């Protein structure tokens, strides 16, 4: 899984074995001289089958939801995850949620810009694209959430995570396609906002 790519993460798999989640501590040093630690609960979707499903979300400060850009069915599950998180976590303040499109190293993309743009408009959401296989944009979900949680848009990580080697290098065309997709997504999102304002 995504989180298992980190070599120097502290994996506390027994921490919540009764719920079936892998819990990891992921540390980052920042340009502000402070260290940030994310306690990451990787549920792998198991909460759907668990009677303790709300326990996965209670006390969360942020959420990452992943889908496979080559599989529209994984994307159609997103509203369920978002709704569960919103129902359990949103009190007086909304927690930030980042939607992560994985497998951008693959060429057969099925999820289109308009689908994502409409989803992003529906809530307190951010979006990024990654490739767990190639380590492309690996830190972006953490960085986006760190900026949102600290309120510091110029926050950066000063040291890279110690990642396991990529299974394969990312093809420059895949990077170009992902960047183009992100630009088109921004344009489609802007167009949807303009239409809604009319």
N, C-alpha and C. Protein backbone atom coordinates (compact mmCIF):
# COMPACT_ATOMS: atom_id res chain seq x y z
N UNK A 1 0.84 -1.20 0.00
CA UNK A 1 0.00 0.00 0.00
C UNK A 1 0.88 1.25 0.00
N UNK A 2 0.25 2.37 -0.18
CA UNK A 2 0.90 3.67 -0.26
C UNK A 2 1.84 3.89 0.93
N UNK A 3 1.33 3.74 2.11
CA UNK A 3 2.10 4.08 3.32
C UNK A 3 3.27 3.13 3.54
N UNK A 4 3.16 1.91 3.08
CA UNK A 4 4.23 0.92 3.28
C UNK A 4 5.47 1.23 2.44
N UNK A 5 5.40 2.24 1.57
CA UNK A 5 6.56 2.63 0.78
C UNK A 5 7.58 3.40 1.61
N UNK A 6 7.22 3.84 2.81
CA UNK A 6 8.12 4.63 3.64
C UNK A 6 9.02 3.69 4.44
N UNK A 7 10.32 3.82 4.24
CA UNK A 7 11.28 2.95 4.92
C UNK A 7 11.43 3.27 6.39
N UNK A 8 11.40 4.58 6.73
CA UNK A 8 11.70 4.94 8.11
C UNK A 8 10.45 5.28 8.91
N UNK A 9 9.28 4.88 8.42
CA UNK A 9 8.06 5.09 9.19
C UNK A 9 8.03 4.14 10.37
N UNK A 10 7.31 4.50 11.38
CA UNK A 10 7.16 3.63 12.53
C UNK A 10 5.81 2.94 12.38
N UNK A 11 5.82 1.66 12.17
CA UNK A 11 4.58 0.94 11.93
C UNK A 11 4.12 0.24 13.20
N UNK A 12 2.95 0.62 13.65
CA UNK A 12 2.43 0.07 14.90
C UNK A 12 1.24 -0.82 14.54
N UNK A 13 1.50 -1.91 13.87
CA UNK A 13 0.40 -2.72 13.37
C UNK A 13 -0.46 -3.30 14.49
N UNK A 14 0.11 -3.50 15.66
CA UNK A 14 -0.70 -4.03 16.76
C UNK A 14 -1.48 -2.93 17.49
N UNK A 15 -1.20 -1.69 17.17
CA UNK A 15 -1.81 -0.57 17.89
C UNK A 15 -3.33 -0.68 17.94
N UNK A 16 -3.93 -1.03 16.81
CA UNK A 16 -5.37 -1.18 16.79
C UNK A 16 -5.75 -2.41 15.98
N UNK A 17 -5.15 -3.53 16.32
CA UNK A 17 -5.40 -4.76 15.59
C UNK A 17 -6.85 -5.19 15.70
N UNK A 18 -7.52 -4.82 16.80
CA UNK A 18 -8.92 -5.22 16.96
C UNK A 18 -9.80 -4.59 15.89
N UNK A 19 -9.42 -3.43 15.39
CA UNK A 19 -10.19 -2.79 14.33
C UNK A 19 -9.70 -3.20 12.95
N UNK A 20 -8.52 -3.79 12.87
CA UNK A 20 -8.01 -4.23 11.58
C UNK A 20 -7.32 -3.16 10.78
N UNK A 21 -6.92 -2.07 11.39
CA UNK A 21 -6.24 -0.99 10.67
C UNK A 21 -4.75 -1.03 10.97
N UNK A 22 -3.94 -0.75 9.94
CA UNK A 22 -2.51 -0.56 10.15
C UNK A 22 -2.29 0.90 10.51
N UNK A 23 -1.60 1.14 11.61
CA UNK A 23 -1.37 2.51 12.07
C UNK A 23 0.12 2.80 11.98
N UNK A 24 0.46 3.93 11.33
CA UNK A 24 1.86 4.30 11.13
C UNK A 24 2.06 5.74 11.55
N UNK A 25 3.24 6.03 12.10
CA UNK A 25 3.62 7.41 12.39
C UNK A 25 4.57 7.85 11.29
N UNK A 26 4.25 8.95 10.62
CA UNK A 26 5.06 9.45 9.52
C UNK A 26 5.51 10.86 9.90
N UNK A 27 6.82 11.08 9.97
CA UNK A 27 7.38 12.35 10.44
C UNK A 27 7.96 13.17 9.29
N UNK A 28 7.78 14.48 9.40
CA UNK A 28 8.35 15.42 8.43
C UNK A 28 8.99 16.58 9.17
N UNK A 29 10.17 17.01 8.72
CA UNK A 29 10.78 18.26 9.18
C UNK A 29 10.36 19.34 8.20
N UNK A 30 10.10 20.54 8.73
CA UNK A 30 9.59 21.61 7.86
C UNK A 30 10.52 22.81 7.84
N UNK A 31 10.28 23.70 6.88
CA UNK A 31 11.05 24.93 6.77
C UNK A 31 10.78 25.89 7.94
N UNK A 32 9.80 25.61 8.77
CA UNK A 32 9.52 26.43 9.95
C UNK A 32 10.28 25.94 11.18
N UNK A 33 11.11 24.92 11.00
CA UNK A 33 11.88 24.39 12.12
C UNK A 33 11.07 23.52 13.06
N UNK A 34 9.90 23.14 12.64
CA UNK A 34 9.08 22.26 13.46
C UNK A 34 8.93 20.92 12.76
N UNK A 35 8.78 19.89 13.55
CA UNK A 35 8.52 18.57 13.00
C UNK A 35 7.03 18.29 13.09
N UNK A 36 6.50 17.70 12.05
CA UNK A 36 5.10 17.30 12.03
C UNK A 36 5.04 15.78 12.00
N UNK A 37 4.15 15.22 12.77
CA UNK A 37 3.95 13.78 12.76
C UNK A 37 2.50 13.48 12.40
N UNK A 38 2.34 12.68 11.37
CA UNK A 38 1.02 12.21 10.97
C UNK A 38 0.85 10.80 11.53
N UNK A 39 -0.26 10.58 12.22
CA UNK A 39 -0.63 9.22 12.62
C UNK A 39 -1.59 8.73 11.55
N UNK A 40 -1.12 7.83 10.73
CA UNK A 40 -1.88 7.39 9.55
C UNK A 40 -2.53 6.04 9.84
N UNK A 41 -3.84 6.01 9.70
CA UNK A 41 -4.60 4.77 9.84
C UNK A 41 -4.94 4.29 8.44
N UNK A 42 -4.34 3.20 8.05
CA UNK A 42 -4.62 2.62 6.73
C UNK A 42 -5.67 1.54 6.92
N UNK A 43 -6.91 1.86 6.58
CA UNK A 43 -8.01 0.93 6.79
C UNK A 43 -8.24 0.02 5.59
N UNK A 44 -7.70 0.39 4.44
CA UNK A 44 -7.86 -0.39 3.21
C UNK A 44 -9.32 -0.73 2.94
N UNK A 45 -10.23 0.13 3.38
CA UNK A 45 -11.65 -0.08 3.12
C UNK A 45 -12.30 -1.12 4.02
N UNK A 46 -11.58 -1.62 5.00
CA UNK A 46 -12.12 -2.69 5.85
C UNK A 46 -13.27 -2.22 6.73
N UNK A 47 -13.39 -0.91 6.92
CA UNK A 47 -14.43 -0.42 7.82
C UNK A 47 -15.83 -0.70 7.28
N UNK A 48 -15.94 -0.96 5.99
CA UNK A 48 -17.25 -1.31 5.44
C UNK A 48 -17.79 -2.59 6.06
N UNK A 49 -16.89 -3.50 6.42
CA UNK A 49 -17.29 -4.80 6.97
C UNK A 49 -17.25 -4.82 8.49
N UNK A 50 -16.83 -3.74 9.09
CA UNK A 50 -16.62 -3.72 10.54
C UNK A 50 -17.79 -3.09 11.27
N UNK A 51 -18.12 -3.67 12.40
CA UNK A 51 -19.15 -3.08 13.26
C UNK A 51 -18.60 -1.84 13.96
N UNK A 52 -17.28 -1.68 13.94
CA UNK A 52 -16.63 -0.54 14.61
C UNK A 52 -16.27 0.55 13.61
N UNK A 53 -17.02 0.66 12.52
CA UNK A 53 -16.61 1.54 11.43
C UNK A 53 -16.37 2.98 11.86
N UNK A 54 -17.19 3.53 12.74
CA UNK A 54 -16.99 4.91 13.17
C UNK A 54 -15.69 5.09 13.94
N UNK A 55 -15.20 4.04 14.58
CA UNK A 55 -13.97 4.13 15.36
C UNK A 55 -12.78 4.50 14.49
N UNK A 56 -12.84 4.20 13.21
CA UNK A 56 -11.74 4.54 12.31
C UNK A 56 -11.60 6.06 12.15
N UNK A 57 -12.68 6.78 12.32
CA UNK A 57 -12.68 8.21 12.00
C UNK A 57 -12.70 9.12 13.22
N UNK A 58 -13.12 8.62 14.36
CA UNK A 58 -13.26 9.47 15.55
C UNK A 58 -11.92 10.11 15.90
N UNK A 59 -11.93 11.42 16.07
CA UNK A 59 -10.72 12.14 16.45
C UNK A 59 -9.78 12.46 15.31
N UNK A 60 -10.18 12.15 14.08
CA UNK A 60 -9.31 12.45 12.93
C UNK A 60 -9.21 13.95 12.71
N UNK A 61 -8.04 14.41 12.30
CA UNK A 61 -7.82 15.82 11.99
C UNK A 61 -7.78 16.07 10.49
N UNK A 62 -7.64 14.99 9.71
CA UNK A 62 -7.57 15.09 8.25
C UNK A 62 -7.80 13.70 7.68
N UNK A 63 -8.06 13.65 6.37
CA UNK A 63 -8.27 12.35 5.73
C UNK A 63 -7.69 12.35 4.32
N UNK A 64 -7.14 11.19 3.94
CA UNK A 64 -6.70 10.94 2.56
C UNK A 64 -7.56 9.81 2.02
N UNK A 65 -8.14 10.03 0.87
CA UNK A 65 -8.93 8.97 0.22
C UNK A 65 -8.30 8.72 -1.14
N UNK A 66 -7.98 7.47 -1.41
CA UNK A 66 -7.30 7.10 -2.65
C UNK A 66 -8.26 6.40 -3.61
N UNK A 67 -8.04 6.63 -4.88
CA UNK A 67 -8.74 5.87 -5.91
C UNK A 67 -7.75 5.61 -7.03
N UNK A 68 -8.09 4.66 -7.87
CA UNK A 68 -7.26 4.25 -9.01
C UNK A 68 -7.75 5.01 -10.24
N UNK A 69 -6.90 5.84 -10.85
CA UNK A 69 -7.33 6.64 -12.01
C UNK A 69 -7.72 5.78 -13.20
N UNK A 70 -7.34 4.50 -13.18
CA UNK A 70 -7.68 3.61 -14.29
C UNK A 70 -8.95 2.80 -14.02
N UNK A 71 -9.63 3.08 -12.91
CA UNK A 71 -10.82 2.32 -12.54
C UNK A 71 -11.92 3.25 -12.04
N UNK A 72 -12.95 3.44 -12.86
CA UNK A 72 -14.02 4.35 -12.42
C UNK A 72 -14.78 3.81 -11.21
N UNK A 73 -14.81 2.50 -11.03
CA UNK A 73 -15.53 1.95 -9.88
C UNK A 73 -14.87 2.37 -8.56
N UNK A 74 -13.56 2.46 -8.53
CA UNK A 74 -12.90 2.90 -7.29
C UNK A 74 -13.24 4.36 -7.01
N UNK A 75 -13.43 5.14 -8.07
CA UNK A 75 -13.79 6.55 -7.89
C UNK A 75 -15.23 6.69 -7.41
N UNK A 76 -16.12 5.84 -7.89
CA UNK A 76 -17.52 5.96 -7.49
C UNK A 76 -17.72 5.62 -6.01
N UNK A 77 -16.75 4.98 -5.38
CA UNK A 77 -16.83 4.71 -3.94
C UNK A 77 -16.50 5.95 -3.10
N UNK A 78 -15.90 6.96 -3.72
CA UNK A 78 -15.46 8.14 -2.97
C UNK A 78 -16.58 8.80 -2.17
N UNK A 79 -17.78 9.03 -2.74
CA UNK A 79 -18.83 9.70 -1.94
C UNK A 79 -19.16 8.96 -0.64
N UNK A 80 -19.10 7.63 -0.68
CA UNK A 80 -19.36 6.87 0.55
C UNK A 80 -18.33 7.21 1.62
N UNK A 81 -17.04 7.16 1.23
CA UNK A 81 -15.98 7.44 2.21
C UNK A 81 -16.10 8.86 2.73
N UNK A 82 -16.34 9.79 1.82
CA UNK A 82 -16.46 11.19 2.23
C UNK A 82 -17.62 11.37 3.21
N UNK A 83 -18.75 10.77 2.89
CA UNK A 83 -19.93 10.90 3.75
C UNK A 83 -19.66 10.34 5.15
N UNK A 84 -19.02 9.17 5.21
CA UNK A 84 -18.70 8.57 6.52
C UNK A 84 -17.80 9.50 7.32
N UNK A 85 -16.77 10.03 6.68
CA UNK A 85 -15.84 10.91 7.37
C UNK A 85 -16.55 12.17 7.85
N UNK A 86 -17.37 12.75 6.98
CA UNK A 86 -18.10 13.96 7.32
C UNK A 86 -19.04 13.70 8.50
N UNK A 87 -19.77 12.59 8.44
CA UNK A 87 -20.73 12.28 9.51
C UNK A 87 -20.06 12.15 10.87
N UNK A 88 -18.88 11.56 10.90
CA UNK A 88 -18.22 11.29 12.18
C UNK A 88 -17.32 12.44 12.63
N UNK A 89 -16.63 13.08 11.69
CA UNK A 89 -15.55 14.01 12.07
C UNK A 89 -15.94 15.48 12.09
N UNK A 90 -16.93 15.88 11.34
CA UNK A 90 -17.20 17.31 11.23
C UNK A 90 -18.03 17.78 12.41
N UNK A 91 -17.42 18.56 13.25
CA UNK A 91 -18.11 19.19 14.35
C UNK A 91 -18.22 20.66 14.02
N UNK A 92 -17.58 21.48 14.85
CA UNK A 92 -17.60 22.92 14.61
C UNK A 92 -16.72 23.30 13.43
N UNK A 93 -15.69 22.52 13.16
CA UNK A 93 -14.82 22.80 12.02
C UNK A 93 -14.77 21.57 11.13
N UNK A 94 -14.58 21.81 9.85
CA UNK A 94 -14.47 20.71 8.91
C UNK A 94 -13.02 20.27 8.81
N UNK A 95 -12.80 18.97 8.81
CA UNK A 95 -11.44 18.50 8.63
C UNK A 95 -11.12 18.49 7.14
N UNK A 96 -9.88 18.77 6.78
CA UNK A 96 -9.52 18.73 5.36
C UNK A 96 -9.46 17.28 4.86
N UNK A 97 -9.93 17.10 3.65
CA UNK A 97 -9.89 15.79 2.99
C UNK A 97 -9.16 15.97 1.67
N UNK A 98 -8.22 15.08 1.38
CA UNK A 98 -7.55 15.12 0.09
C UNK A 98 -7.87 13.84 -0.67
N UNK A 99 -8.34 14.02 -1.88
CA UNK A 99 -8.62 12.92 -2.78
C UNK A 99 -7.36 12.69 -3.61
N UNK A 100 -6.86 11.46 -3.62
CA UNK A 100 -5.61 11.14 -4.30
C UNK A 100 -5.85 10.16 -5.43
N UNK A 101 -5.58 10.61 -6.64
CA UNK A 101 -5.66 9.72 -7.79
C UNK A 101 -4.35 8.97 -7.94
N UNK A 102 -4.38 7.67 -7.75
CA UNK A 102 -3.17 6.84 -7.82
C UNK A 102 -3.08 6.17 -9.19
N UNK A 103 -1.91 5.68 -9.50
CA UNK A 103 -1.59 4.96 -10.74
C UNK A 103 -1.52 5.88 -11.95
N UNK A 104 -1.04 7.11 -11.75
CA UNK A 104 -0.89 8.01 -12.90
C UNK A 104 0.23 7.56 -13.83
N UNK A 105 0.97 6.53 -13.43
CA UNK A 105 1.98 5.96 -14.32
C UNK A 105 1.33 5.08 -15.40
N UNK A 106 0.05 4.78 -15.26
CA UNK A 106 -0.67 3.97 -16.25
C UNK A 106 -1.34 4.86 -17.29
N UNK A 107 -1.46 4.37 -18.49
CA UNK A 107 -1.96 5.22 -19.58
C UNK A 107 -3.46 5.14 -19.79
N UNK A 108 -4.13 4.17 -19.25
CA UNK A 108 -5.56 4.01 -19.54
C UNK A 108 -6.46 4.65 -18.48
N UNK A 109 -6.36 5.97 -18.38
CA UNK A 109 -7.14 6.74 -17.39
C UNK A 109 -8.63 6.64 -17.73
N UNK A 110 -9.42 6.36 -16.68
CA UNK A 110 -10.88 6.24 -16.86
C UNK A 110 -11.65 7.38 -16.20
N UNK A 111 -11.09 7.99 -15.18
CA UNK A 111 -11.79 9.05 -14.44
C UNK A 111 -11.44 10.39 -15.07
N UNK A 112 -12.46 11.11 -15.50
CA UNK A 112 -12.28 12.35 -16.26
C UNK A 112 -12.33 13.59 -15.37
N UNK A 113 -11.83 14.71 -15.94
CA UNK A 113 -11.72 15.97 -15.19
C UNK A 113 -13.06 16.44 -14.65
N UNK A 114 -14.11 16.33 -15.46
CA UNK A 114 -15.41 16.87 -15.05
C UNK A 114 -15.95 16.15 -13.81
N UNK A 115 -15.75 14.84 -13.75
CA UNK A 115 -16.20 14.08 -12.58
C UNK A 115 -15.51 14.59 -11.32
N UNK A 116 -14.21 14.77 -11.41
CA UNK A 116 -13.44 15.22 -10.24
C UNK A 116 -13.81 16.65 -9.88
N UNK A 117 -13.96 17.51 -10.88
CA UNK A 117 -14.29 18.92 -10.63
C UNK A 117 -15.61 19.04 -9.87
N UNK A 118 -16.60 18.26 -10.26
CA UNK A 118 -17.89 18.29 -9.55
C UNK A 118 -17.74 17.79 -8.11
N UNK A 119 -16.93 16.77 -7.94
CA UNK A 119 -16.69 16.23 -6.60
C UNK A 119 -16.00 17.27 -5.72
N UNK A 120 -14.98 17.93 -6.26
CA UNK A 120 -14.23 18.91 -5.47
C UNK A 120 -15.11 20.08 -5.06
N UNK A 121 -16.07 20.41 -5.90
CA UNK A 121 -16.97 21.53 -5.60
C UNK A 121 -17.89 21.20 -4.43
N UNK A 122 -18.08 19.91 -4.18
CA UNK A 122 -19.08 19.49 -3.20
C UNK A 122 -18.62 19.58 -1.74
N UNK A 123 -17.38 19.91 -1.49
CA UNK A 123 -16.98 19.95 -0.09
C UNK A 123 -15.60 20.54 0.12
N UNK A 124 -15.13 20.41 1.35
CA UNK A 124 -13.82 20.93 1.77
C UNK A 124 -12.74 19.96 1.30
N UNK A 125 -12.55 19.91 -0.03
CA UNK A 125 -11.70 18.88 -0.62
C UNK A 125 -10.51 19.46 -1.37
N UNK A 126 -9.44 18.68 -1.37
CA UNK A 126 -8.26 18.99 -2.19
C UNK A 126 -8.03 17.77 -3.07
N UNK A 127 -7.19 17.94 -4.08
CA UNK A 127 -6.92 16.83 -5.00
C UNK A 127 -5.46 16.82 -5.40
N UNK A 128 -4.91 15.63 -5.52
CA UNK A 128 -3.56 15.47 -6.06
C UNK A 128 -3.48 14.13 -6.78
N UNK A 129 -2.46 14.01 -7.60
CA UNK A 129 -2.24 12.75 -8.30
C UNK A 129 -0.88 12.19 -7.90
N UNK A 130 -0.83 10.87 -7.76
CA UNK A 130 0.39 10.20 -7.33
C UNK A 130 0.58 8.91 -8.12
N UNK A 131 1.74 8.34 -7.95
CA UNK A 131 2.00 6.97 -8.39
C UNK A 131 2.77 6.29 -7.28
N UNK A 132 2.11 5.41 -6.54
CA UNK A 132 2.79 4.70 -5.46
C UNK A 132 3.88 3.80 -6.02
N UNK A 133 3.68 3.29 -7.21
CA UNK A 133 4.66 2.38 -7.81
C UNK A 133 5.97 3.09 -8.16
N UNK A 134 5.87 4.35 -8.60
CA UNK A 134 7.07 5.09 -9.02
C UNK A 134 7.52 6.14 -8.00
N UNK A 135 6.76 6.29 -6.90
CA UNK A 135 7.01 7.32 -5.88
C UNK A 135 6.72 8.74 -6.38
N UNK A 136 6.07 8.89 -7.51
CA UNK A 136 5.77 10.21 -8.06
C UNK A 136 4.78 10.96 -7.16
N UNK A 137 5.15 12.18 -6.78
CA UNK A 137 4.30 13.05 -5.95
C UNK A 137 3.95 12.42 -4.60
N UNK A 138 4.79 11.53 -4.13
CA UNK A 138 4.46 10.76 -2.93
C UNK A 138 4.13 11.65 -1.73
N UNK A 139 4.86 12.73 -1.55
CA UNK A 139 4.67 13.57 -0.37
C UNK A 139 3.51 14.56 -0.50
N UNK A 140 2.98 14.73 -1.71
CA UNK A 140 1.97 15.77 -1.93
C UNK A 140 0.74 15.66 -1.04
N UNK A 141 0.17 14.48 -0.82
CA UNK A 141 -0.99 14.43 0.08
C UNK A 141 -0.65 14.95 1.49
N UNK A 142 0.52 14.56 1.99
CA UNK A 142 0.95 15.02 3.31
C UNK A 142 1.19 16.53 3.32
N UNK A 143 1.84 17.03 2.28
CA UNK A 143 2.16 18.45 2.22
C UNK A 143 0.90 19.30 2.14
N UNK A 144 -0.05 18.90 1.29
CA UNK A 144 -1.30 19.65 1.17
C UNK A 144 -2.05 19.68 2.50
N UNK A 145 -2.10 18.54 3.17
CA UNK A 145 -2.78 18.51 4.48
C UNK A 145 -2.02 19.31 5.53
N UNK A 146 -0.70 19.23 5.52
CA UNK A 146 0.11 19.99 6.48
C UNK A 146 -0.13 21.48 6.31
N UNK A 147 -0.15 21.95 5.08
CA UNK A 147 -0.40 23.38 4.82
C UNK A 147 -1.79 23.78 5.31
N UNK A 148 -2.77 22.94 5.05
CA UNK A 148 -4.14 23.25 5.46
C UNK A 148 -4.26 23.25 6.99
N UNK A 149 -3.68 22.26 7.63
CA UNK A 149 -3.79 22.14 9.09
C UNK A 149 -3.04 23.23 9.83
N UNK A 150 -1.90 23.68 9.28
CA UNK A 150 -1.11 24.71 9.96
C UNK A 150 -1.51 26.12 9.53
N UNK A 151 -2.23 26.24 8.40
CA UNK A 151 -2.57 27.55 7.86
C UNK A 151 -1.38 28.25 7.23
N UNK A 152 -0.34 27.50 6.92
CA UNK A 152 0.88 28.07 6.33
C UNK A 152 1.03 27.57 4.89
N UNK A 153 0.61 28.40 3.94
CA UNK A 153 0.65 28.01 2.52
C UNK A 153 2.06 27.86 1.98
N UNK A 154 3.05 28.47 2.67
CA UNK A 154 4.43 28.38 2.19
C UNK A 154 5.23 27.28 2.91
N UNK A 155 4.55 26.47 3.71
CA UNK A 155 5.22 25.38 4.41
C UNK A 155 5.78 24.38 3.39
N UNK A 156 7.01 23.95 3.63
CA UNK A 156 7.62 22.91 2.79
C UNK A 156 8.27 21.88 3.71
N UNK A 157 8.48 20.71 3.17
CA UNK A 157 9.24 19.69 3.89
C UNK A 157 10.69 19.86 3.51
N UNK A 158 11.57 19.93 4.52
CA UNK A 158 12.99 20.19 4.24
C UNK A 158 13.79 18.91 4.02
N UNK A 159 13.23 17.79 4.36
CA UNK A 159 13.92 16.54 4.05
C UNK A 159 12.90 15.57 3.47
N UNK A 160 13.34 14.87 2.45
CA UNK A 160 12.44 13.91 1.82
C UNK A 160 12.29 12.68 2.71
N UNK A 161 11.17 12.04 2.55
CA UNK A 161 10.97 10.77 3.23
C UNK A 161 11.96 9.75 2.70
N UNK A 162 12.34 8.85 3.53
CA UNK A 162 13.19 7.75 3.10
C UNK A 162 12.27 6.67 2.53
N UNK A 163 12.08 6.71 1.22
CA UNK A 163 11.15 5.79 0.57
C UNK A 163 11.86 4.54 0.08
N UNK A 164 11.11 3.46 0.02
CA UNK A 164 11.62 2.27 -0.64
C UNK A 164 11.84 2.64 -2.11
N UNK A 165 12.79 2.01 -2.77
CA UNK A 165 13.02 2.34 -4.17
C UNK A 165 11.75 2.13 -5.00
N UNK A 166 11.58 2.97 -5.98
CA UNK A 166 10.43 2.84 -6.87
C UNK A 166 10.50 1.49 -7.59
N UNK A 167 9.33 0.91 -7.81
CA UNK A 167 9.28 -0.35 -8.55
C UNK A 167 9.76 -0.14 -9.98
N UNK A 168 9.53 1.06 -10.48
CA UNK A 168 10.01 1.44 -11.81
C UNK A 168 10.01 2.95 -11.88
N UNK A 169 10.85 3.53 -12.75
CA UNK A 169 10.85 5.00 -12.87
C UNK A 169 9.59 5.46 -13.60
N UNK A 170 9.14 6.66 -13.25
CA UNK A 170 7.96 7.16 -13.95
C UNK A 170 8.37 7.68 -15.32
N UNK A 171 7.57 7.35 -16.27
CA UNK A 171 7.78 7.76 -17.64
C UNK A 171 7.52 9.27 -17.74
N UNK A 172 8.41 10.05 -18.37
CA UNK A 172 8.18 11.50 -18.50
C UNK A 172 6.83 11.83 -19.13
N UNK A 173 6.35 10.99 -20.02
CA UNK A 173 5.04 11.23 -20.64
C UNK A 173 3.93 11.13 -19.59
N UNK A 174 4.06 10.22 -18.64
CA UNK A 174 3.06 10.10 -17.58
C UNK A 174 3.03 11.35 -16.71
N UNK A 175 4.20 11.91 -16.42
CA UNK A 175 4.28 13.17 -15.66
C UNK A 175 3.62 14.29 -16.46
N UNK A 176 3.95 14.35 -17.74
CA UNK A 176 3.36 15.38 -18.61
C UNK A 176 1.84 15.22 -18.67
N UNK A 177 1.36 13.98 -18.82
CA UNK A 177 -0.08 13.74 -18.87
C UNK A 177 -0.76 14.12 -17.56
N UNK A 178 -0.12 13.81 -16.44
CA UNK A 178 -0.70 14.16 -15.14
C UNK A 178 -0.75 15.68 -14.96
N UNK A 179 0.32 16.37 -15.33
CA UNK A 179 0.34 17.83 -15.25
C UNK A 179 -0.73 18.44 -16.14
N UNK A 180 -0.87 17.90 -17.34
CA UNK A 180 -1.90 18.39 -18.27
C UNK A 180 -3.29 18.14 -17.68
N UNK A 181 -3.49 16.97 -17.10
CA UNK A 181 -4.77 16.64 -16.48
C UNK A 181 -5.09 17.63 -15.36
N UNK A 182 -4.10 17.95 -14.53
CA UNK A 182 -4.31 18.88 -13.42
C UNK A 182 -4.67 20.28 -13.95
N UNK A 183 -4.04 20.71 -15.04
CA UNK A 183 -4.37 22.00 -15.65
C UNK A 183 -5.80 21.98 -16.20
N UNK A 184 -6.15 20.89 -16.88
CA UNK A 184 -7.51 20.78 -17.42
C UNK A 184 -8.54 20.72 -16.30
N UNK A 185 -8.19 20.04 -15.22
CA UNK A 185 -9.08 19.98 -14.07
C UNK A 185 -9.33 21.37 -13.50
N UNK A 186 -8.28 22.17 -13.39
CA UNK A 186 -8.43 23.55 -12.89
C UNK A 186 -9.34 24.35 -13.81
N UNK A 187 -9.18 24.18 -15.12
CA UNK A 187 -10.01 24.91 -16.08
C UNK A 187 -11.47 24.46 -15.99
N UNK A 188 -11.70 23.16 -15.91
CA UNK A 188 -13.07 22.64 -15.80
C UNK A 188 -13.70 23.11 -14.50
N UNK A 189 -12.94 23.08 -13.41
CA UNK A 189 -13.45 23.54 -12.11
C UNK A 189 -13.85 25.00 -12.17
N UNK A 190 -13.02 25.82 -12.80
CA UNK A 190 -13.32 27.25 -12.94
C UNK A 190 -14.58 27.44 -13.76
N UNK A 191 -14.73 26.68 -14.82
CA UNK A 191 -15.91 26.77 -15.68
C UNK A 191 -17.17 26.38 -14.91
N UNK A 192 -17.09 25.34 -14.09
CA UNK A 192 -18.24 24.93 -13.28
C UNK A 192 -18.60 26.04 -12.29
N UNK A 193 -17.60 26.66 -11.67
CA UNK A 193 -17.85 27.76 -10.74
C UNK A 193 -18.52 28.93 -11.43
N UNK A 194 -18.06 29.27 -12.64
CA UNK A 194 -18.65 30.38 -13.39
C UNK A 194 -20.09 30.07 -13.75
N UNK A 195 -20.37 28.84 -14.18
CA UNK A 195 -21.74 28.45 -14.54
C UNK A 195 -22.65 28.53 -13.33
N UNK A 196 -22.15 28.12 -12.18
CA UNK A 196 -22.97 28.15 -10.96
C UNK A 196 -23.23 29.57 -10.49
N UNK A 197 -22.33 30.50 -10.81
CA UNK A 197 -22.51 31.90 -10.41
C UNK A 197 -23.54 32.62 -11.27
N UNK A 198 -23.84 32.07 -12.43
CA UNK A 198 -24.77 32.75 -13.35
C UNK A 198 -26.21 32.59 -12.90
